[in-house]
Amino acid sequence: MRSVPFMRPPDQEYEYQVGDTVEVLCDHEKGGERIRGWLKGIVVQVDPKMVAVQFRSNVYLTDGWMVPDHILWYPQNSPHIRVPLKKNKQELPKIF
C-alpha cells in the first residue's frame, strides 16, 4: 500500500498537555508577602474547556482564600495562562 501524504501534521487536541510548564497570573506568596504576578506551575490536568495548574508555593483565590492543594483551574483560552517567557541567558566566557 502507498502511504497517504499530508500537507501538515495533525493539530494537537489541546494547547496545553499534562506535564507542561506554564506561567499563570495569580495571587501568590513571594518573599513572605502576598503579591499578584506571574508564577510558574505544572499542568496536572487538561479537559476540553479547562486546564489545572499546580504550584509549589501558596496561591490564593481573588477573594483572599488560600488554595490548600496549590491547584488553580483556568479556561483553555484564558489570557492569564501562557508558555513561560525565556530569559536571556548570559553567555559564559569560552575557555580554550
PDB file of N, CA and C in Angstrom:
ATOM      1  N   MET A   1       0.825  -1.183   0.000  1.00  0.00           N
ATOM      2  CA  MET A   1       0.000   0.000   0.000  1.00  0.00           C
ATOM      3  C   MET A   1       0.867   1.245   0.000  1.00  0.00           C
ATOM      4  N   ARG A   2       0.369   2.267  -0.614  1.00  0.00           N
ATOM      5  CA  ARG A   2       1.063   3.540  -0.615  1.00  0.00           C
ATOM      6  C   ARG A   2       0.683   4.329   0.626  1.00  0.00           C
ATOM      7  N   SER A   3       1.657   5.104   1.118  1.00  0.00           N
ATOM      8  CA  SER A   3       1.337   5.951   2.266  1.00  0.00           C
ATOM      9  C   SER A   3       0.556   7.172   1.793  1.00  0.00           C
ATOM     10  N   VAL A   4      -0.255   7.692   2.676  1.00  0.00           N
ATOM     11  CA  VAL A   4      -1.079   8.846   2.353  1.00  0.00           C
ATOM     12  C   VAL A   4      -0.312  10.113   2.753  1.00  0.00           C
ATOM     13  N   PRO A   5       0.028  10.957   1.798  1.00  0.00           N
ATOM     14  CA  PRO A   5       0.746  12.184   2.144  1.00  0.00           C
ATOM     15  C   PRO A   5      -0.209  13.206   2.779  1.00  0.00           C
ATOM     16  N   PHE A   6       0.326  14.080   3.579  1.00  0.00           N
ATOM     17  CA  PHE A   6      -0.485  15.153   4.136  1.00  0.00           C
ATOM     18  C   PHE A   6       0.315  16.444   4.068  1.00  0.00           C
ATOM     19  N   MET A   7      -0.394  17.559   4.030  1.00  0.00           N
ATOM     20  CA  MET A   7       0.243  18.865   3.865  1.00  0.00           C
ATOM     21  C   MET A   7       0.883  19.354   5.160  1.00  0.00           C
ATOM     22  N   ARG A   8       0.269  19.053   6.293  1.00  0.00           N
ATOM     23  CA  ARG A   8       0.811  19.467   7.582  1.00  0.00           C
ATOM     24  C   ARG A   8       0.422  18.431   8.623  1.00  0.00           C
ATOM     25  N   PRO A   9       1.169  18.360   9.712  1.00  0.00           N
ATOM     26  CA  PRO A   9       0.828  17.367  10.735  1.00  0.00           C
ATOM     27  C   PRO A   9      -0.500  17.716  11.401  1.00  0.00           C
ATOM     28  N   PRO A  10      -1.170  16.723  11.959  1.00  0.00           N
ATOM     29  CA  PRO A  10      -2.449  16.998  12.614  1.00  0.00           C
ATOM     30  C   PRO A  10      -2.266  17.942  13.807  1.00  0.00           C
ATOM     31  N   ASP A  11      -3.301  18.730  14.098  1.00  0.00           N
ATOM     32  CA  ASP A  11      -3.263  19.652  15.227  1.00  0.00           C
ATOM     33  C   ASP A  11      -3.328  18.878  16.530  1.00  0.00           C
ATOM     34  N   GLN A  12      -2.689  19.460  17.575  1.00  0.00           N
ATOM     35  CA  GLN A  12      -2.808  18.858  18.893  1.00  0.00           C
ATOM     36  C   GLN A  12      -4.243  19.019  19.357  1.00  0.00           C
ATOM     37  N   GLU A  13      -4.680  18.086  20.203  1.00  0.00           N
ATOM     38  CA  GLU A  13      -6.060  18.145  20.678  1.00  0.00           C
ATOM     39  C   GLU A  13      -6.283  19.355  21.573  1.00  0.00           C
ATOM     40  N   TYR A  14      -5.298  19.654  22.443  1.00  0.00           N
ATOM     41  CA  TYR A  14      -5.383  20.796  23.341  1.00  0.00           C
ATOM     42  C   TYR A  14      -4.102  21.615  23.236  1.00  0.00           C
ATOM     43  N   GLU A  15      -4.179  22.897  23.599  1.00  0.00           N
ATOM     44  CA  GLU A  15      -2.998  23.765  23.552  1.00  0.00           C
ATOM     45  C   GLU A  15      -1.966  23.352  24.594  1.00  0.00           C
ATOM     46  N   TYR A  16      -2.440  22.943  25.790  1.00  0.00           N
ATOM     47  CA  TYR A  16      -1.542  22.540  26.869  1.00  0.00           C
ATOM     48  C   TYR A  16      -1.673  21.042  27.106  1.00  0.00           C
ATOM     49  N   GLN A  17      -0.566  20.419  27.504  1.00  0.00           N
ATOM     50  CA  GLN A  17      -0.549  18.993  27.789  1.00  0.00           C
ATOM     51  C   GLN A  17      -0.109  18.776  29.233  1.00  0.00           C
ATOM     52  N   VAL A  18      -0.532  17.674  29.854  1.00  0.00           N
ATOM     53  CA  VAL A  18      -0.117  17.350  31.213  1.00  0.00           C
ATOM     54  C   VAL A  18       1.408  17.272  31.256  1.00  0.00           C
ATOM     55  N   GLY A  19       2.002  17.939  32.245  1.00  0.00           N
ATOM     56  CA  GLY A  19       3.454  17.967  32.396  1.00  0.00           C
ATOM     57  C   GLY A  19       4.101  19.224  31.851  1.00  0.00           C
ATOM     58  N   ASP A  20       3.360  20.026  31.082  1.00  0.00           N
ATOM     59  CA  ASP A  20       3.910  21.281  30.554  1.00  0.00           C
ATOM     60  C   ASP A  20       4.160  22.268  31.690  1.00  0.00           C
ATOM     61  N   THR A  21       5.231  23.034  31.575  1.00  0.00           N
ATOM     62  CA  THR A  21       5.474  24.142  32.492  1.00  0.00           C
ATOM     63  C   THR A  21       4.826  25.378  31.889  1.00  0.00           C
ATOM     64  N   VAL A  22       4.048  26.089  32.701  1.00  0.00           N
ATOM     65  CA  VAL A  22       3.350  27.290  32.248  1.00  0.00           C
ATOM     66  C   VAL A  22       3.532  28.396  33.285  1.00  0.00           C
ATOM     67  N   GLU A  23       3.203  29.620  32.898  1.00  0.00           N
ATOM     68  CA  GLU A  23       3.159  30.744  33.820  1.00  0.00           C
ATOM     69  C   GLU A  23       1.713  31.199  33.920  1.00  0.00           C
ATOM     70  N   VAL A  24       1.308  31.544  35.147  1.00  0.00           N
ATOM     71  CA  VAL A  24      -0.070  31.931  35.413  1.00  0.00           C
ATOM     72  C   VAL A  24      -0.069  33.243  36.186  1.00  0.00           C
ATOM     73  N   LEU A  25      -0.967  34.144  35.823  1.00  0.00           N
ATOM     74  CA  LEU A  25      -1.139  35.397  36.548  1.00  0.00           C
ATOM     75  C   LEU A  25      -2.090  35.127  37.707  1.00  0.00           C
ATOM     76  N   CYS A  26      -1.550  35.178  38.943  1.00  0.00           N
ATOM     77  CA  CYS A  26      -2.357  34.844  40.115  1.00  0.00           C
ATOM     78  C   CYS A  26      -1.795  35.523  41.359  1.00  0.00           C
ATOM     79  N   ASP A  27      -2.579  35.460  42.439  1.00  0.00           N
ATOM     80  CA  ASP A  27      -2.122  35.934  43.741  1.00  0.00           C
ATOM     81  C   ASP A  27      -1.313  34.807  44.379  1.00  0.00           C
ATOM     82  N   HIS A  28      -0.090  35.133  44.839  1.00  0.00           N
ATOM     83  CA  HIS A  28       0.770  34.117  45.448  1.00  0.00           C
ATOM     84  C   HIS A  28       1.730  34.772  46.437  1.00  0.00           C
ATOM     85  N   GLU A  29       2.490  33.945  47.139  1.00  0.00           N
ATOM     86  CA  GLU A  29       3.469  34.447  48.102  1.00  0.00           C
ATOM     87  C   GLU A  29       4.847  34.512  47.466  1.00  0.00           C
ATOM     88  N   LYS A  30       5.532  35.619  47.751  1.00  0.00           N
ATOM     89  CA  LYS A  30       6.913  35.775  47.308  1.00  0.00           C
ATOM     90  C   LYS A  30       7.632  36.594  48.375  1.00  0.00           C
ATOM     91  N   GLY A  31       8.679  36.030  48.935  1.00  0.00           N
ATOM     92  CA  GLY A  31       9.410  36.727  49.977  1.00  0.00           C
ATOM     93  C   GLY A  31       8.582  36.996  51.219  1.00  0.00           C
ATOM     94  N   GLY A  32       7.659  36.105  51.514  1.00  0.00           N
ATOM     95  CA  GLY A  32       6.819  36.261  52.688  1.00  0.00           C
ATOM     96  C   GLY A  32       5.655  37.226  52.529  1.00  0.00           C
ATOM     97  N   GLU A  33       5.516  37.817  51.355  1.00  0.00           N
ATOM     98  CA  GLU A  33       4.418  38.748  51.100  1.00  0.00           C
ATOM     99  C   GLU A  33       3.511  38.205  50.004  1.00  0.00           C
ATOM    100  N   ARG A  34       2.265  38.600  50.066  1.00  0.00           N
ATOM    101  CA  ARG A  34       1.294  38.202  49.043  1.00  0.00           C
ATOM    102  C   ARG A  34       1.328  39.226  47.919  1.00  0.00           C
ATOM    103  N   ILE A  35       1.547  38.744  46.692  1.00  0.00           N
ATOM    104  CA  ILE A  35       1.602  39.625  45.522  1.00  0.00           C
ATOM    105  C   ILE A  35       0.755  39.044  44.405  1.00  0.00           C
ATOM    106  N   ARG A  36       0.482  39.862  43.396  1.00  0.00           N
ATOM    107  CA  ARG A  36      -0.186  39.400  42.170  1.00  0.00           C
ATOM    108  C   ARG A  36       0.840  39.514  41.057  1.00  0.00           C
ATOM    109  N   GLY A  37       1.117  38.392  40.407  1.00  0.00           N
ATOM    110  CA  GLY A  37       2.096  38.381  39.328  1.00  0.00           C
ATOM    111  C   GLY A  37       2.137  37.019  38.659  1.00  0.00           C
ATOM    112  N   TRP A  38       3.092  36.857  37.749  1.00  0.00           N
ATOM    113  CA  TRP A  38       3.234  35.614  37.003  1.00  0.00           C
ATOM    114  C   TRP A  38       4.008  34.611  37.849  1.00  0.00           C
ATOM    115  N   LEU A  39       3.500  33.385  37.918  1.00  0.00           N
ATOM    116  CA  LEU A  39       4.094  32.318  38.716  1.00  0.00           C
ATOM    117  C   LEU A  39       4.143  31.050  37.880  1.00  0.00           C
ATOM    118  N   LYS A  40       5.298  30.359  37.903  1.00  0.00           N
ATOM    119  CA  LYS A  40       5.436  29.113  37.147  1.00  0.00           C
ATOM    120  C   LYS A  40       4.759  27.966  37.871  1.00  0.00           C
ATOM    121  N   GLY A  41       4.140  27.102  37.082  1.00  0.00           N
ATOM    122  CA  GLY A  41       3.481  25.913  37.611  1.00  0.00           C
ATOM    123  C   GLY A  41       3.505  24.797  36.580  1.00  0.00           C
ATOM    124  N   ILE A  42       2.974  23.658  36.952  1.00  0.00           N
ATOM    125  CA  ILE A  42       2.946  22.479  36.082  1.00  0.00           C
ATOM    126  C   ILE A  42       1.489  22.125  35.774  1.00  0.00           C
ATOM    127  N   VAL A  43       1.200  21.850  34.509  1.00  0.00           N
ATOM    128  CA  VAL A  43      -0.140  21.415  34.112  1.00  0.00           C
ATOM    129  C   VAL A  43      -0.341  19.987  34.631  1.00  0.00           C
ATOM    130  N   VAL A  44      -1.399  19.790  35.438  1.00  0.00           N
ATOM    131  CA  VAL A  44      -1.663  18.469  36.010  1.00  0.00           C
ATOM    132  C   VAL A  44      -2.920  17.811  35.441  1.00  0.00           C
ATOM    133  N   GLN A  45      -3.784  18.593  34.793  1.00  0.00           N
ATOM    134  CA  GLN A  45      -4.978  18.007  34.164  1.00  0.00           C
ATOM    135  C   GLN A  45      -5.462  18.928  33.062  1.00  0.00           C
ATOM    136  N   VAL A  46      -5.959  18.332  31.987  1.00  0.00           N
ATOM    137  CA  VAL A  46      -6.473  19.077  30.840  1.00  0.00           C
ATOM    138  C   VAL A  46      -7.778  18.431  30.402  1.00  0.00           C
ATOM    139  N   ASP A  47      -8.777  19.263  30.144  1.00  0.00           N
ATOM    140  CA  ASP A  47     -10.013  18.763  29.546  1.00  0.00           C
ATOM    141  C   ASP A  47     -10.409  19.735  28.432  1.00  0.00           C
ATOM    142  N   PRO A  48     -11.485  19.489  27.716  1.00  0.00           N
ATOM    143  CA  PRO A  48     -11.810  20.336  26.566  1.00  0.00           C
ATOM    144  C   PRO A  48     -11.965  21.827  26.881  1.00  0.00           C
ATOM    145  N   LYS A  49     -12.333  22.180  28.113  1.00  0.00           N
ATOM    146  CA  LYS A  49     -12.565  23.582  28.435  1.00  0.00           C
ATOM    147  C   LYS A  49     -11.566  24.170  29.426  1.00  0.00           C
ATOM    148  N   MET A  50     -10.970  23.343  30.299  1.00  0.00           N
ATOM    149  CA  MET A  50     -10.183  23.853  31.420  1.00  0.00           C
ATOM    150  C   MET A  50      -8.796  23.217  31.497  1.00  0.00           C
ATOM    151  N   VAL A  51      -7.885  23.963  32.167  1.00  0.00           N
ATOM    152  CA  VAL A  51      -6.521  23.500  32.427  1.00  0.00           C
ATOM    153  C   VAL A  51      -6.270  23.651  33.926  1.00  0.00           C
ATOM    154  N   ALA A  52      -5.781  22.601  34.583  1.00  0.00           N
ATOM    155  CA  ALA A  52      -5.443  22.658  36.004  1.00  0.00           C
ATOM    156  C   ALA A  52      -3.934  22.806  36.137  1.00  0.00           C
ATOM    157  N   VAL A  53      -3.504  23.803  36.934  1.00  0.00           N
ATOM    158  CA  VAL A  53      -2.078  24.079  37.123  1.00  0.00           C
ATOM    159  C   VAL A  53      -1.764  23.978  38.610  1.00  0.00           C
ATOM    160  N   GLN A  54      -0.698  23.213  38.946  1.00  0.00           N
ATOM    161  CA  GLN A  54      -0.285  23.067  40.333  1.00  0.00           C
ATOM    162  C   GLN A  54       1.007  23.828  40.567  1.00  0.00           C
ATOM    163  N   PHE A  55       1.114  24.445  41.753  1.00  0.00           N
ATOM    164  CA  PHE A  55       2.248  25.290  42.105  1.00  0.00           C
ATOM    165  C   PHE A  55       2.950  24.744  43.340  1.00  0.00           C
ATOM    166  N   ARG A  56       4.206  25.141  43.530  1.00  0.00           N
ATOM    167  CA  ARG A  56       4.966  24.752  44.715  1.00  0.00           C
ATOM    168  C   ARG A  56       4.735  25.719  45.867  1.00  0.00           C
ATOM    169  N   SER A  57       4.382  26.954  45.573  1.00  0.00           N
ATOM    170  CA  SER A  57       4.161  27.946  46.628  1.00  0.00           C
ATOM    171  C   SER A  57       2.659  28.145  46.853  1.00  0.00           C
ATOM    172  N   ASN A  58       2.329  28.847  47.932  1.00  0.00           N
ATOM    173  CA  ASN A  58       0.932  29.116  48.244  1.00  0.00           C
ATOM    174  C   ASN A  58       0.318  30.041  47.204  1.00  0.00           C
ATOM    175  N   VAL A  59      -0.890  29.704  46.761  1.00  0.00           N
ATOM    176  CA  VAL A  59      -1.647  30.543  45.825  1.00  0.00           C
ATOM    177  C   VAL A  59      -2.991  30.859  46.461  1.00  0.00           C
ATOM    178  N   TYR A  60      -3.593  31.979  46.018  1.00  0.00           N
ATOM    179  CA  TYR A  60      -4.815  32.476  46.628  1.00  0.00           C
ATOM    180  C   TYR A  60      -5.880  32.737  45.576  1.00  0.00           C
ATOM    181  N   LEU A  61      -7.136  32.585  45.980  1.00  0.00           N
ATOM    182  CA  LEU A  61      -8.251  32.991  45.144  1.00  0.00           C
ATOM    183  C   LEU A  61      -8.364  34.504  45.205  1.00  0.00           C
ATOM    184  N   THR A  62      -9.092  35.100  44.278  1.00  0.00           N
ATOM    185  CA  THR A  62      -9.192  36.565  44.242  1.00  0.00           C
ATOM    186  C   THR A  62      -9.906  37.128  45.457  1.00  0.00           C
ATOM    187  N   ASP A  63     -10.707  36.314  46.145  1.00  0.00           N
ATOM    188  CA  ASP A  63     -11.387  36.815  47.346  1.00  0.00           C
ATOM    189  C   ASP A  63     -10.562  36.609  48.614  1.00  0.00           C
ATOM    190  N   GLY A  64      -9.316  36.155  48.481  1.00  0.00           N
ATOM    191  CA  GLY A  64      -8.404  36.085  49.610  1.00  0.00           C
ATOM    192  C   GLY A  64      -8.155  34.727  50.220  1.00  0.00           C
ATOM    193  N   TRP A  65      -8.925  33.711  49.838  1.00  0.00           N
ATOM    194  CA  TRP A  65      -8.739  32.393  50.421  1.00  0.00           C
ATOM    195  C   TRP A  65      -7.537  31.681  49.823  1.00  0.00           C
ATOM    196  N   MET A  66      -6.712  31.060  50.685  1.00  0.00           N
ATOM    197  CA  MET A  66      -5.583  30.266  50.212  1.00  0.00           C
ATOM    198  C   MET A  66      -6.113  28.938  49.659  1.00  0.00           C
ATOM    199  N   VAL A  67      -5.527  28.467  48.574  1.00  0.00           N
ATOM    200  CA  VAL A  67      -5.930  27.202  47.954  1.00  0.00           C
ATOM    201  C   VAL A  67      -5.096  26.090  48.579  1.00  0.00           C
ATOM    202  N   PRO A  68      -5.701  25.176  49.348  1.00  0.00           N
ATOM    203  CA  PRO A  68      -4.922  24.185  50.098  1.00  0.00           C
ATOM    204  C   PRO A  68      -4.146  23.186  49.237  1.00  0.00           C
ATOM    205  N   ASP A  69      -4.654  22.825  48.062  1.00  0.00           N
ATOM    206  CA  ASP A  69      -3.957  21.838  47.232  1.00  0.00           C
ATOM    207  C   ASP A  69      -3.017  22.483  46.204  1.00  0.00           C
ATOM    208  N   HIS A  70      -2.894  23.811  46.227  1.00  0.00           N
ATOM    209  CA  HIS A  70      -2.000  24.564  45.328  1.00  0.00           C
ATOM    210  C   HIS A  70      -2.362  24.383  43.860  1.00  0.00           C
ATOM    211  N   ILE A  71      -3.631  24.093  43.550  1.00  0.00           N
ATOM    212  CA  ILE A  71      -4.066  23.891  42.164  1.00  0.00           C
ATOM    213  C   ILE A  71      -5.101  24.949  41.807  1.00  0.00           C
ATOM    214  N   LEU A  72      -4.872  25.624  40.684  1.00  0.00           N
ATOM    215  CA  LEU A  72      -5.833  26.581  40.147  1.00  0.00           C
ATOM    216  C   LEU A  72      -6.281  26.100  38.773  1.00  0.00           C
ATOM    217  N   TRP A  73      -7.552  26.346  38.455  1.00  0.00           N
ATOM    218  CA  TRP A  73      -8.126  25.974  37.159  1.00  0.00           C
ATOM    219  C   TRP A  73      -8.314  27.222  36.308  1.00  0.00           C
ATOM    220  N   TYR A  74      -7.990  27.108  35.019  1.00  0.00           N
ATOM    221  CA  TYR A  74      -8.144  28.209  34.070  1.00  0.00           C
ATOM    222  C   TYR A  74      -8.785  27.699  32.790  1.00  0.00           C
ATOM    223  N   PRO A  75      -9.574  28.546  32.113  1.00  0.00           N
ATOM    224  CA  PRO A  75     -10.100  28.162  30.797  1.00  0.00           C
ATOM    225  C   PRO A  75      -8.952  27.963  29.801  1.00  0.00           C
ATOM    226  N   GLN A  76      -9.145  27.093  28.830  1.00  0.00           N
ATOM    227  CA  GLN A  76      -8.109  26.812  27.822  1.00  0.00           C
ATOM    228  C   GLN A  76      -7.602  28.087  27.141  1.00  0.00           C
ATOM    229  N   ASN A  77      -8.502  29.044  26.874  1.00  0.00           N
ATOM    230  CA  ASN A  77      -8.116  30.249  26.126  1.00  0.00           C
ATOM    231  C   ASN A  77      -7.934  31.469  27.033  1.00  0.00           C
ATOM    232  N   SER A  78      -7.649  31.264  28.312  1.00  0.00           N
ATOM    233  CA  SER A  78      -7.509  32.366  29.262  1.00  0.00           C
ATOM    234  C   SER A  78      -6.269  33.219  28.964  1.00  0.00           C
ATOM    235  N   PRO A  79      -6.381  34.550  29.086  1.00  0.00           N
ATOM    236  CA  PRO A  79      -5.193  35.398  28.920  1.00  0.00           C
ATOM    237  C   PRO A  79      -4.294  35.349  30.160  1.00  0.00           C
ATOM    238  N   HIS A  80      -4.715  34.655  31.211  1.00  0.00           N
ATOM    239  CA  HIS A  80      -3.958  34.581  32.454  1.00  0.00           C
ATOM    240  C   HIS A  80      -3.061  33.347  32.534  1.00  0.00           C
ATOM    241  N   ILE A  81      -2.926  32.613  31.442  1.00  0.00           N
ATOM    242  CA  ILE A  81      -2.034  31.458  31.379  1.00  0.00           C
ATOM    243  C   ILE A  81      -1.248  31.545  30.084  1.00  0.00           C
ATOM    244  N   ARG A  82       0.048  31.237  30.182  1.00  0.00           N
ATOM    245  CA  ARG A  82       0.909  31.349  28.992  1.00  0.00           C
ATOM    246  C   ARG A  82       2.089  30.392  29.120  1.00  0.00           C
ATOM    247  N   VAL A  83       2.753  30.171  27.992  1.00  0.00           N
ATOM    248  CA  VAL A  83       4.007  29.426  27.972  1.00  0.00           C
ATOM    249  C   VAL A  83       5.059  30.332  28.605  1.00  0.00           C
ATOM    250  N   PRO A  84       5.962  29.803  29.447  1.00  0.00           N
ATOM    251  CA  PRO A  84       6.935  30.669  30.119  1.00  0.00           C
ATOM    252  C   PRO A  84       7.788  31.460  29.135  1.00  0.00           C
ATOM    253  N   LEU A  85       8.025  32.717  29.488  1.00  0.00           N
ATOM    254  CA  LEU A  85       8.908  33.551  28.687  1.00  0.00           C
ATOM    255  C   LEU A  85      10.343  33.136  28.968  1.00  0.00           C
ATOM    256  N   LYS A  86      11.139  33.048  27.930  1.00  0.00           N
ATOM    257  CA  LYS A  86      12.540  32.664  28.107  1.00  0.00           C
ATOM    258  C   LYS A  86      13.349  33.899  28.456  1.00  0.00           C
ATOM    259  N   LYS A  87      14.147  33.772  29.488  1.00  0.00           N
ATOM    260  CA  LYS A  87      15.014  34.873  29.880  1.00  0.00           C
ATOM    261  C   LYS A  87      16.324  34.755  29.112  1.00  0.00           C
ATOM    262  N   ASN A  88      16.913  35.913  28.817  1.00  0.00           N
ATOM    263  CA  ASN A  88      18.196  35.905  28.119  1.00  0.00           C
ATOM    264  C   ASN A  88      19.267  35.351  29.038  1.00  0.00           C
ATOM    265  N   LYS A  89      19.917  34.323  28.571  1.00  0.00           N
ATOM    266  CA  LYS A  89      20.998  33.743  29.355  1.00  0.00           C
ATOM    267  C   LYS A  89      22.294  34.449  28.974  1.00  0.00           C
ATOM    268  N   GLN A  90      23.060  34.800  29.982  1.00  0.00           N
ATOM    269  CA  GLN A  90      24.354  35.422  29.703  1.00  0.00           C
ATOM    270  C   GLN A  90      25.300  34.343  29.229  1.00  0.00           C
ATOM    271  N   GLU A  91      26.031  34.669  28.191  1.00  0.00           N
ATOM    272  CA  GLU A  91      26.971  33.693  27.679  1.00  0.00           C
ATOM    273  C   GLU A  91      28.178  33.612  28.606  1.00  0.00           C
ATOM    274  N   LEU A  92      28.578  32.397  28.869  1.00  0.00           N
ATOM    275  CA  LEU A  92      29.758  32.189  29.692  1.00  0.00           C
ATOM    276  C   LEU A  92      30.998  32.405  28.829  1.00  0.00           C
ATOM    277  N   PRO A  93      32.061  32.941  29.408  1.00  0.00           N
ATOM    278  CA  PRO A  93      33.275  33.126  28.611  1.00  0.00           C
ATOM    279  C   PRO A  93      33.819  31.780  28.160  1.00  0.00           C
ATOM    280  N   LYS A  94      34.256  31.739  26.931  1.00  0.00           N
ATOM    281  CA  LYS A  94      34.811  30.491  26.394  1.00  0.00           C
ATOM    282  C   LYS A  94      36.259  30.344  26.828  1.00  0.00           C
ATOM    283  N   ILE A  95      36.567  29.170  27.306  1.00  0.00           N
ATOM    284  CA  ILE A  95      37.938  28.878  27.723  1.00  0.00           C
ATOM    285  C   ILE A  95      38.512  27.899  26.709  1.00  0.00           C
ATOM    286  N   PHE A  96      39.630  28.295  26.118  1.00  0.00           N
ATOM    287  CA  PHE A  96      40.246  27.458  25.102  1.00  0.00           C
ATOM    288  C   PHE A  96      41.387  26.680  25.665  1.00  0.00           C
TER     289      PHE A  96
END
